[in-house]
Amino acid sequence: MTAQVETVTMADGQTRKVTEVAVGVMIQPDGRFLLAQRPAGKPYEGFWEFPGGKLEPGESVEDALARELHEELGLDILRSERWHTLEHDYPHAYVRLYFCKITDWRGEPVGREGQAFSWQAVPVDVGPLLPATIPVVEWLAEESRAS
């Protein structure tokens, strides 16, 4: 999967560009997962989300994920797998989010863009959550109950 220009037609007939985003769901052996707070100056500033970023032209989800987590948090991804894909219509962008579970990495997260981050468990104790983050936390809760 590589980034390409794609559009969707909304119910009102408007056409919107799809922004593809690789998202890392970093999970520690004890089940806690990493959330990052969106920095000042970005849409939804102060909201909490799973770290990641936009795919660049010709870039795969896996390459974008590795690049973004290195740039944002100083981490090297050693093992990840695609988990879920979700589309969400935000006022500022229509996004297709490729959520990847990350179970092995090198380094400790450092907020290189000035963002806060926190290891969380279900139920999370930070907020507000970015709207597209909420179903992911619910999926993690379902998996936790099933195991």
N, C-alpha and C. Protein backbone atom coordinates (compact mmCIF):
# COMPACT_ATOMS: atom_id res chain seq x y z
N MET A 1 0.85 -1.18 0.00
CA MET A 1 0.00 0.00 0.00
C MET A 1 0.89 1.23 0.00
N THR A 2 0.77 2.07 -1.01
CA THR A 2 1.52 3.32 -1.06
C THR A 2 0.56 4.47 -1.23
N ALA A 3 1.00 5.64 -0.80
CA ALA A 3 0.15 6.83 -0.84
C ALA A 3 -0.15 7.21 -2.29
N GLN A 4 -1.38 7.59 -2.53
CA GLN A 4 -1.80 8.06 -3.84
C GLN A 4 -2.93 9.05 -3.63
N VAL A 5 -3.18 9.88 -4.64
CA VAL A 5 -4.26 10.86 -4.51
C VAL A 5 -5.58 10.14 -4.76
N GLU A 6 -6.43 10.17 -3.78
CA GLU A 6 -7.73 9.52 -3.85
C GLU A 6 -8.74 10.49 -3.26
N THR A 7 -9.96 10.44 -3.77
CA THR A 7 -11.01 11.30 -3.24
C THR A 7 -12.22 10.45 -2.87
N VAL A 8 -13.05 11.00 -2.00
CA VAL A 8 -14.32 10.38 -1.65
C VAL A 8 -15.41 11.42 -1.87
N THR A 9 -16.58 10.95 -2.26
CA THR A 9 -17.73 11.84 -2.43
C THR A 9 -18.61 11.71 -1.19
N MET A 10 -18.84 12.83 -0.55
CA MET A 10 -19.62 12.85 0.68
C MET A 10 -21.12 12.83 0.36
N ALA A 11 -21.94 12.62 1.36
CA ALA A 11 -23.40 12.55 1.19
C ALA A 11 -23.95 13.83 0.57
N ASP A 12 -23.31 14.97 0.85
CA ASP A 12 -23.79 16.24 0.30
C ASP A 12 -23.26 16.52 -1.11
N GLY A 13 -22.55 15.55 -1.70
CA GLY A 13 -22.02 15.71 -3.05
C GLY A 13 -20.63 16.32 -3.11
N GLN A 14 -20.13 16.83 -2.00
CA GLN A 14 -18.78 17.41 -1.96
C GLN A 14 -17.75 16.29 -2.12
N THR A 15 -16.65 16.62 -2.79
CA THR A 15 -15.55 15.69 -2.94
C THR A 15 -14.42 16.11 -2.01
N ARG A 16 -13.87 15.13 -1.28
CA ARG A 16 -12.76 15.41 -0.36
C ARG A 16 -11.59 14.49 -0.65
N LYS A 17 -10.41 15.04 -0.51
CA LYS A 17 -9.18 14.26 -0.67
C LYS A 17 -9.03 13.33 0.54
N VAL A 18 -8.60 12.09 0.29
CA VAL A 18 -8.32 11.14 1.36
C VAL A 18 -6.86 11.31 1.78
N THR A 19 -6.64 11.55 3.06
CA THR A 19 -5.29 11.62 3.61
C THR A 19 -5.00 10.30 4.29
N GLU A 20 -3.97 9.60 3.81
CA GLU A 20 -3.62 8.30 4.39
C GLU A 20 -2.61 8.50 5.52
N VAL A 21 -2.87 7.81 6.63
CA VAL A 21 -2.08 8.00 7.85
C VAL A 21 -1.70 6.63 8.43
N ALA A 22 -0.43 6.47 8.75
CA ALA A 22 0.05 5.28 9.46
C ALA A 22 0.04 5.59 10.95
N VAL A 23 -0.54 4.69 11.74
CA VAL A 23 -0.70 4.93 13.17
C VAL A 23 -0.14 3.74 13.95
N GLY A 24 0.68 4.04 14.96
CA GLY A 24 1.29 2.99 15.76
C GLY A 24 0.57 2.78 17.08
N VAL A 25 0.15 1.55 17.32
CA VAL A 25 -0.44 1.17 18.60
C VAL A 25 0.64 0.36 19.32
N MET A 26 1.46 1.08 20.07
CA MET A 26 2.58 0.45 20.77
C MET A 26 2.07 -0.21 22.04
N ILE A 27 2.31 -1.52 22.16
CA ILE A 27 1.77 -2.27 23.29
C ILE A 27 2.91 -2.92 24.06
N GLN A 28 2.98 -2.62 25.35
CA GLN A 28 3.97 -3.23 26.24
C GLN A 28 3.51 -4.62 26.64
N PRO A 29 4.43 -5.47 27.14
CA PRO A 29 4.04 -6.82 27.56
C PRO A 29 2.91 -6.85 28.59
N ASP A 30 2.80 -5.80 29.42
CA ASP A 30 1.72 -5.77 30.42
C ASP A 30 0.40 -5.25 29.85
N GLY A 31 0.37 -4.95 28.54
CA GLY A 31 -0.86 -4.51 27.89
C GLY A 31 -1.05 -3.01 27.80
N ARG A 32 -0.20 -2.24 28.49
CA ARG A 32 -0.33 -0.78 28.39
C ARG A 32 0.08 -0.32 26.99
N PHE A 33 -0.53 0.77 26.53
CA PHE A 33 -0.30 1.30 25.19
C PHE A 33 0.03 2.78 25.28
N LEU A 34 0.74 3.26 24.27
CA LEU A 34 1.23 4.64 24.28
C LEU A 34 0.25 5.58 23.58
N LEU A 35 -0.12 6.66 24.27
CA LEU A 35 -0.89 7.75 23.67
C LEU A 35 -0.04 9.01 23.71
N ALA A 36 -0.19 9.84 22.69
CA ALA A 36 0.53 11.11 22.61
C ALA A 36 -0.49 12.24 22.52
N GLN A 37 -0.12 13.38 23.07
CA GLN A 37 -1.00 14.54 23.04
C GLN A 37 -0.64 15.41 21.84
N ARG A 38 -1.64 15.82 21.07
CA ARG A 38 -1.38 16.64 19.89
C ARG A 38 -0.81 17.99 20.33
N PRO A 39 0.28 18.42 19.68
CA PRO A 39 0.95 19.65 20.10
C PRO A 39 0.18 20.91 19.70
N ALA A 40 0.58 22.01 20.31
CA ALA A 40 -0.02 23.32 20.01
C ALA A 40 0.16 23.63 18.53
N GLY A 41 -0.86 24.28 17.97
CA GLY A 41 -0.79 24.71 16.58
C GLY A 41 -1.34 23.71 15.58
N LYS A 42 -1.68 22.50 16.02
CA LYS A 42 -2.26 21.49 15.13
C LYS A 42 -3.76 21.40 15.39
N PRO A 43 -4.54 20.98 14.38
CA PRO A 43 -5.97 20.75 14.65
C PRO A 43 -6.13 19.78 15.82
N TYR A 44 -7.14 20.01 16.62
CA TYR A 44 -7.41 19.19 17.81
C TYR A 44 -6.24 19.25 18.80
N GLU A 45 -5.63 20.40 18.88
CA GLU A 45 -4.54 20.63 19.84
C GLU A 45 -4.96 20.20 21.24
N GLY A 46 -4.08 19.44 21.91
CA GLY A 46 -4.34 18.99 23.27
C GLY A 46 -5.09 17.67 23.37
N PHE A 47 -5.64 17.18 22.26
CA PHE A 47 -6.32 15.88 22.27
C PHE A 47 -5.27 14.77 22.27
N TRP A 48 -5.66 13.61 22.78
CA TRP A 48 -4.77 12.45 22.86
C TRP A 48 -5.07 11.48 21.72
N GLU A 49 -4.00 10.88 21.19
CA GLU A 49 -4.12 9.97 20.05
C GLU A 49 -2.98 8.97 20.08
N PHE A 50 -3.07 7.97 19.22
CA PHE A 50 -1.95 7.07 19.00
C PHE A 50 -0.98 7.78 18.05
N PRO A 51 0.33 7.65 18.26
CA PRO A 51 1.28 8.37 17.42
C PRO A 51 1.33 7.82 15.99
N GLY A 52 1.67 8.70 15.06
CA GLY A 52 1.79 8.32 13.66
C GLY A 52 1.83 9.55 12.79
N GLY A 53 1.62 9.35 11.50
CA GLY A 53 1.64 10.48 10.59
C GLY A 53 1.30 10.10 9.17
N LYS A 54 1.22 11.12 8.33
CA LYS A 54 0.80 10.96 6.93
C LYS A 54 1.82 10.18 6.11
N LEU A 55 1.29 9.38 5.18
CA LEU A 55 2.14 8.73 4.20
C LEU A 55 2.60 9.76 3.19
N GLU A 56 3.86 9.68 2.81
CA GLU A 56 4.39 10.52 1.74
C GLU A 56 4.18 9.80 0.42
N PRO A 57 4.17 10.53 -0.72
CA PRO A 57 3.96 9.88 -2.02
C PRO A 57 4.94 8.71 -2.22
N GLY A 58 4.38 7.55 -2.60
CA GLY A 58 5.19 6.37 -2.86
C GLY A 58 5.63 5.61 -1.62
N GLU A 59 5.23 6.06 -0.45
CA GLU A 59 5.68 5.44 0.81
C GLU A 59 4.68 4.39 1.27
N SER A 60 5.18 3.27 1.77
CA SER A 60 4.30 2.24 2.32
C SER A 60 3.86 2.62 3.73
N VAL A 61 2.82 1.96 4.21
CA VAL A 61 2.35 2.19 5.57
C VAL A 61 3.47 1.88 6.56
N GLU A 62 4.15 0.76 6.36
CA GLU A 62 5.21 0.35 7.28
C GLU A 62 6.36 1.35 7.30
N ASP A 63 6.75 1.85 6.12
CA ASP A 63 7.84 2.83 6.05
C ASP A 63 7.42 4.15 6.69
N ALA A 64 6.18 4.58 6.45
CA ALA A 64 5.69 5.82 7.06
C ALA A 64 5.65 5.69 8.58
N LEU A 65 5.20 4.55 9.06
CA LEU A 65 5.12 4.32 10.50
C LEU A 65 6.51 4.41 11.13
N ALA A 66 7.48 3.73 10.52
CA ALA A 66 8.85 3.76 11.04
C ALA A 66 9.41 5.18 11.03
N ARG A 67 9.20 5.90 9.93
CA ARG A 67 9.71 7.27 9.81
C ARG A 67 9.07 8.19 10.84
N GLU A 68 7.74 8.15 10.93
CA GLU A 68 7.03 9.05 11.83
C GLU A 68 7.37 8.80 13.30
N LEU A 69 7.43 7.54 13.72
CA LEU A 69 7.74 7.27 15.12
C LEU A 69 9.19 7.60 15.46
N HIS A 70 10.07 7.50 14.47
CA HIS A 70 11.45 7.93 14.70
C HIS A 70 11.50 9.46 14.82
N GLU A 71 10.82 10.16 13.89
CA GLU A 71 10.82 11.63 13.91
C GLU A 71 10.15 12.19 15.16
N GLU A 72 8.99 11.64 15.52
CA GLU A 72 8.19 12.19 16.62
C GLU A 72 8.67 11.76 18.01
N LEU A 73 9.09 10.49 18.12
CA LEU A 73 9.37 9.93 19.45
C LEU A 73 10.77 9.35 19.61
N GLY A 74 11.57 9.34 18.53
CA GLY A 74 12.93 8.82 18.61
C GLY A 74 13.00 7.31 18.75
N LEU A 75 11.98 6.60 18.27
CA LEU A 75 11.91 5.15 18.40
C LEU A 75 12.21 4.45 17.08
N ASP A 76 12.82 3.28 17.16
CA ASP A 76 13.03 2.42 16.00
C ASP A 76 12.09 1.22 16.14
N ILE A 77 11.23 1.03 15.15
CA ILE A 77 10.26 -0.06 15.17
C ILE A 77 10.95 -1.34 14.73
N LEU A 78 10.85 -2.37 15.55
CA LEU A 78 11.45 -3.67 15.23
C LEU A 78 10.42 -4.69 14.78
N ARG A 79 9.18 -4.59 15.30
CA ARG A 79 8.13 -5.52 14.90
C ARG A 79 6.79 -4.82 14.94
N SER A 80 6.09 -4.88 13.80
CA SER A 80 4.74 -4.31 13.73
C SER A 80 3.90 -5.15 12.78
N GLU A 81 2.60 -5.07 12.96
CA GLU A 81 1.68 -5.76 12.05
C GLU A 81 0.44 -4.90 11.85
N ARG A 82 -0.08 -4.91 10.63
CA ARG A 82 -1.33 -4.20 10.36
C ARG A 82 -2.43 -4.83 11.19
N TRP A 83 -3.29 -3.96 11.71
CA TRP A 83 -4.32 -4.44 12.63
C TRP A 83 -5.71 -4.06 12.14
N HIS A 84 -6.00 -2.77 12.03
CA HIS A 84 -7.31 -2.28 11.59
C HIS A 84 -7.12 -1.07 10.68
N THR A 85 -8.09 -0.86 9.80
CA THR A 85 -8.14 0.35 8.98
C THR A 85 -9.47 1.03 9.28
N LEU A 86 -9.40 2.34 9.46
CA LEU A 86 -10.58 3.12 9.82
C LEU A 86 -10.56 4.42 9.04
N GLU A 87 -11.71 4.83 8.51
CA GLU A 87 -11.82 6.14 7.87
C GLU A 87 -12.62 7.05 8.79
N HIS A 88 -12.18 8.32 8.84
CA HIS A 88 -12.87 9.29 9.70
C HIS A 88 -12.90 10.63 8.98
N ASP A 89 -14.05 11.29 9.07
CA ASP A 89 -14.23 12.60 8.43
C ASP A 89 -14.12 13.69 9.49
N TYR A 90 -12.94 14.30 9.57
CA TYR A 90 -12.72 15.45 10.46
C TYR A 90 -13.03 16.72 9.67
N PRO A 91 -13.34 17.81 10.35
CA PRO A 91 -13.58 19.07 9.62
C PRO A 91 -12.38 19.51 8.77
N HIS A 92 -11.16 19.23 9.24
CA HIS A 92 -9.96 19.68 8.53
C HIS A 92 -9.42 18.66 7.54
N ALA A 93 -9.87 17.39 7.60
CA ALA A 93 -9.34 16.36 6.71
C ALA A 93 -10.19 15.09 6.78
N TYR A 94 -10.28 14.42 5.64
CA TYR A 94 -10.86 13.08 5.60
C TYR A 94 -9.68 12.12 5.63
N VAL A 95 -9.61 11.28 6.65
CA VAL A 95 -8.43 10.44 6.83
C VAL A 95 -8.75 8.95 6.74
N ARG A 96 -7.80 8.22 6.19
CA ARG A 96 -7.83 6.75 6.23
C ARG A 96 -6.66 6.36 7.13
N LEU A 97 -6.99 5.78 8.26
CA LEU A 97 -6.00 5.47 9.29
C LEU A 97 -5.67 3.98 9.27
N TYR A 98 -4.40 3.68 9.09
CA TYR A 98 -3.91 2.30 9.10
C TYR A 98 -3.29 2.06 10.48
N PHE A 99 -4.03 1.39 11.35
CA PHE A 99 -3.54 1.12 12.70
C PHE A 99 -2.69 -0.14 12.68
N CYS A 100 -1.47 -0.01 13.19
CA CYS A 100 -0.53 -1.13 13.24
C CYS A 100 -0.15 -1.38 14.69
N LYS A 101 -0.24 -2.64 15.11
CA LYS A 101 0.22 -3.00 16.45
C LYS A 101 1.73 -3.10 16.41
N ILE A 102 2.36 -2.47 17.38
CA ILE A 102 3.82 -2.52 17.51
C ILE A 102 4.13 -3.20 18.84
N THR A 103 4.85 -4.32 18.76
CA THR A 103 5.15 -5.08 19.97
C THR A 103 6.63 -5.13 20.29
N ASP A 104 7.47 -4.59 19.41
CA ASP A 104 8.91 -4.56 19.69
C ASP A 104 9.50 -3.31 19.06
N TRP A 105 10.27 -2.58 19.85
CA TRP A 105 10.90 -1.35 19.39
C TRP A 105 12.17 -1.11 20.19
N ARG A 106 12.99 -0.22 19.67
CA ARG A 106 14.23 0.16 20.35
C ARG A 106 14.12 1.62 20.76
N GLY A 107 14.47 1.90 22.02
CA GLY A 107 14.46 3.27 22.52
C GLY A 107 13.32 3.52 23.47
N GLU A 108 13.41 4.65 24.14
CA GLU A 108 12.36 5.13 25.02
C GLU A 108 11.74 6.37 24.38
N PRO A 109 10.42 6.51 24.40
CA PRO A 109 9.79 7.65 23.72
C PRO A 109 10.22 8.99 24.32
N VAL A 110 10.54 9.91 23.41
CA VAL A 110 10.89 11.28 23.76
C VAL A 110 10.05 12.18 22.87
N GLY A 111 9.32 13.12 23.44
CA GLY A 111 8.45 14.01 22.66
C GLY A 111 9.27 15.02 21.88
N ARG A 112 9.73 14.64 20.69
CA ARG A 112 10.60 15.49 19.88
C ARG A 112 9.89 16.71 19.30
N GLU A 113 8.55 16.69 19.29
CA GLU A 113 7.79 17.83 18.77
C GLU A 113 7.12 18.58 19.92
N GLY A 114 7.61 18.36 21.13
CA GLY A 114 7.07 19.05 22.30
C GLY A 114 5.79 18.44 22.84
N GLN A 115 5.39 17.29 22.32
CA GLN A 115 4.15 16.68 22.77
C GLN A 115 4.37 15.84 24.02
N ALA A 116 3.35 15.77 24.84
CA ALA A 116 3.35 14.88 26.00
C ALA A 116 2.94 13.49 25.52
N PHE A 117 3.31 12.48 26.27
CA PHE A 117 2.86 11.13 25.97
C PHE A 117 2.66 10.39 27.28
N SER A 118 1.89 9.30 27.22
CA SER A 118 1.56 8.58 28.44
C SER A 118 1.25 7.12 28.11
N TRP A 119 1.80 6.20 28.91
CA TRP A 119 1.44 4.79 28.80
C TRP A 119 0.10 4.61 29.52
N GLN A 120 -0.86 4.02 28.83
CA GLN A 120 -2.22 3.91 29.34
C GLN A 120 -2.71 2.47 29.32
N ALA A 121 -3.76 2.22 30.10
CA ALA A 121 -4.49 0.96 30.08
C ALA A 121 -5.96 1.33 29.97
N VAL A 122 -6.80 0.34 29.69
CA VAL A 122 -8.24 0.57 29.62
C VAL A 122 -8.81 0.47 31.02
N PRO A 123 -9.58 1.44 31.50
CA PRO A 123 -9.96 2.68 30.83
C PRO A 123 -8.82 3.70 30.92
N VAL A 124 -8.70 4.52 29.88
CA VAL A 124 -7.64 5.53 29.86
C VAL A 124 -7.94 6.62 30.88
N ASP A 125 -6.88 7.24 31.38
CA ASP A 125 -7.08 8.32 32.35
C ASP A 125 -6.56 9.66 31.85
N VAL A 126 -6.45 9.79 30.51
CA VAL A 126 -6.13 11.08 29.90
C VAL A 126 -7.28 11.45 28.97
N GLY A 127 -7.36 12.71 28.62
CA GLY A 127 -8.41 13.13 27.71
C GLY A 127 -8.27 14.61 27.40
N PRO A 128 -9.01 15.08 26.44
CA PRO A 128 -9.96 14.32 25.61
C PRO A 128 -9.23 13.47 24.58
N LEU A 129 -9.90 12.41 24.12
CA LEU A 129 -9.35 11.56 23.07
C LEU A 129 -9.79 12.08 21.71
N LEU A 130 -8.89 12.01 20.75
CA LEU A 130 -9.24 12.34 19.37
C LEU A 130 -10.35 11.38 18.93
N PRO A 131 -11.38 11.86 18.22
CA PRO A 131 -12.52 10.99 17.89
C PRO A 131 -12.15 9.63 17.28
N ALA A 132 -11.19 9.58 16.36
CA ALA A 132 -10.83 8.29 15.75
C ALA A 132 -10.00 7.41 16.67
N THR A 133 -9.59 7.92 17.81
CA THR A 133 -8.85 7.13 18.80
C THR A 133 -9.81 6.28 19.64
N ILE A 134 -11.01 6.77 19.83
CA ILE A 134 -11.97 6.10 20.72
C ILE A 134 -12.26 4.65 20.29
N PRO A 135 -12.56 4.37 19.00
CA PRO A 135 -12.82 2.97 18.65
C PRO A 135 -11.60 2.07 18.85
N VAL A 136 -10.41 2.61 18.70
CA VAL A 136 -9.20 1.80 18.88
C VAL A 136 -9.06 1.38 20.34
N VAL A 137 -9.32 2.30 21.25
CA VAL A 137 -9.30 1.96 22.67
C VAL A 137 -10.37 0.90 22.96
N GLU A 138 -11.53 1.01 22.31
CA GLU A 138 -12.58 0.00 22.48
C GLU A 138 -12.14 -1.36 21.95
N TRP A 139 -11.42 -1.39 20.80
CA TRP A 139 -10.91 -2.67 20.27
C TRP A 139 -9.92 -3.29 21.24
N LEU A 140 -9.06 -2.46 21.83
CA LEU A 140 -8.09 -2.97 22.80
C LEU A 140 -8.81 -3.54 24.03
N ALA A 141 -9.87 -2.86 24.46
CA ALA A 141 -10.65 -3.35 25.61
C ALA A 141 -11.30 -4.69 25.28
N GLU A 142 -11.85 -4.83 24.07
CA GLU A 142 -12.47 -6.09 23.65
C GLU A 142 -11.45 -7.22 23.65
N GLU A 143 -10.26 -6.94 23.12
CA GLU A 143 -9.21 -7.96 23.09
C GLU A 143 -8.79 -8.35 24.50
N SER A 144 -8.74 -7.38 25.39
CA SER A 144 -8.34 -7.64 26.77
C SER A 144 -9.37 -8.53 27.46
N ARG A 145 -10.66 -8.26 27.21
CA ARG A 145 -11.72 -9.08 27.80
C ARG A 145 -11.71 -10.50 27.24
N ALA A 146 -11.36 -10.64 25.95
CA ALA A 146 -11.39 -11.94 25.29
C ALA A 146 -10.23 -12.84 25.72
N SER A 147 -9.16 -12.23 26.23
CA SER A 147 -7.98 -13.06 26.58
C SER A 147 -7.99 -13.52 28.01
